[in-house]
Amino acid sequence: MNEEVDLSLQKSADLAALSDSLNALAEVDPRKSKIVEMKFFGGLTTEEIAEALGVSESTALGDWKLAKPWVEREMART
């Protein structure tokens, strides 16, 4: 039972760190934050994200490639 509680607490901490990281990214670049949300939570493809945001696929992909490591670094700091 303790393992289940520990796992649940870890997942909560991970989600809190992700949320904090996305909020910080949104302050710097709202579109990149939105792309991470759409990809991570929505499971959208780069093509779908580009269409939804009205940008080219290469722009959406470039933003994703920059945003993903940024969010990972921010999460590691917490």
Protein backbone atom coordinates (compact mmCIF):
# COMPACT_ATOMS: atom_id res chain seq x y z
CA MET A 1 0.00 0.00 0.00
CA ASN A 2 2.84 2.42 0.78
CA GLU A 3 4.25 1.92 -2.72
CA GLU A 4 0.93 3.03 -4.20
CA VAL A 5 0.91 6.15 -2.02
CA ASP A 6 4.54 6.90 -2.92
CA LEU A 7 3.78 6.49 -6.63
CA SER A 8 0.73 8.71 -6.33
CA LEU A 9 2.73 11.41 -4.54
CA GLN A 10 5.48 11.21 -7.19
CA LYS A 11 2.93 11.60 -9.99
CA SER A 12 1.42 14.60 -8.19
CA ALA A 13 4.86 16.15 -7.77
CA ASP A 14 5.65 15.53 -11.45
CA LEU A 15 2.39 17.14 -12.55
CA ALA A 16 3.00 20.11 -10.26
CA ALA A 17 6.52 20.52 -11.66
CA LEU A 18 5.18 20.27 -15.22
CA SER A 19 2.48 22.82 -14.47
CA ASP A 20 5.01 25.21 -12.93
CA SER A 21 7.32 24.75 -15.92
CA LEU A 22 4.53 25.41 -18.41
CA ASN A 23 3.46 28.53 -16.52
CA ALA A 24 7.03 29.81 -16.56
CA LEU A 25 7.33 29.07 -20.28
CA ALA A 26 4.01 30.82 -20.95
CA GLU A 27 5.45 33.98 -19.43
CA VAL A 28 8.37 33.85 -21.86
CA ASP A 29 6.67 32.37 -24.93
CA PRO A 30 2.94 31.58 -24.75
CA ARG A 31 2.86 29.79 -28.10
CA LYS A 32 5.60 27.34 -27.10
CA SER A 33 3.77 26.63 -23.85
CA LYS A 34 0.55 25.98 -25.78
CA ILE A 35 2.38 23.62 -28.14
CA VAL A 36 3.71 21.57 -25.21
CA GLU A 37 0.21 21.40 -23.72
CA MET A 38 -1.34 20.36 -27.02
CA LYS A 39 1.27 17.68 -27.65
CA PHE A 40 1.58 16.36 -24.10
CA PHE A 41 -2.01 16.56 -22.87
CA GLY A 42 -3.90 16.58 -26.14
CA GLY A 43 -1.78 14.07 -28.00
CA LEU A 44 -1.96 16.21 -31.11
CA THR A 45 0.44 15.78 -33.99
CA THR A 46 2.66 18.58 -35.20
CA GLU A 47 0.40 18.97 -38.21
CA GLU A 48 -2.71 19.28 -36.01
CA ILE A 49 -0.98 21.77 -33.72
CA ALA A 50 0.17 23.88 -36.65
CA GLU A 51 -3.34 23.96 -38.06
CA ALA A 52 -4.91 24.82 -34.69
CA LEU A 53 -2.45 27.67 -34.07
CA GLY A 54 -2.40 28.94 -37.65
CA VAL A 55 1.33 28.45 -38.10
CA SER A 56 3.39 26.32 -40.45
CA GLU A 57 4.36 22.78 -39.50
CA SER A 58 8.02 23.80 -39.49
CA THR A 59 7.26 26.60 -37.03
CA ALA A 60 5.31 24.25 -34.75
CA LEU A 61 8.08 21.65 -34.95
CA GLY A 62 10.79 24.22 -34.28
CA ASP A 63 8.88 25.56 -31.29
CA TRP A 64 8.44 22.01 -29.95
CA LYS A 65 12.15 21.27 -30.34
CA LEU A 66 13.00 24.37 -28.30
CA ALA A 67 10.21 24.07 -25.73
CA LYS A 68 10.66 20.40 -24.82
CA PRO A 69 14.21 20.69 -23.41
CA TRP A 70 13.31 24.02 -21.80
CA VAL A 71 10.44 22.41 -19.89
CA GLU A 72 12.63 19.41 -18.98
CA ARG A 73 15.32 21.72 -17.56
CA GLU A 74 12.74 23.68 -15.58
CA MET A 75 11.24 20.49 -14.18
CA ALA A 76 14.68 19.27 -13.11
CA ARG A 77 15.17 22.44 -11.07
CA THR A 78 12.20 21.69 -8.84
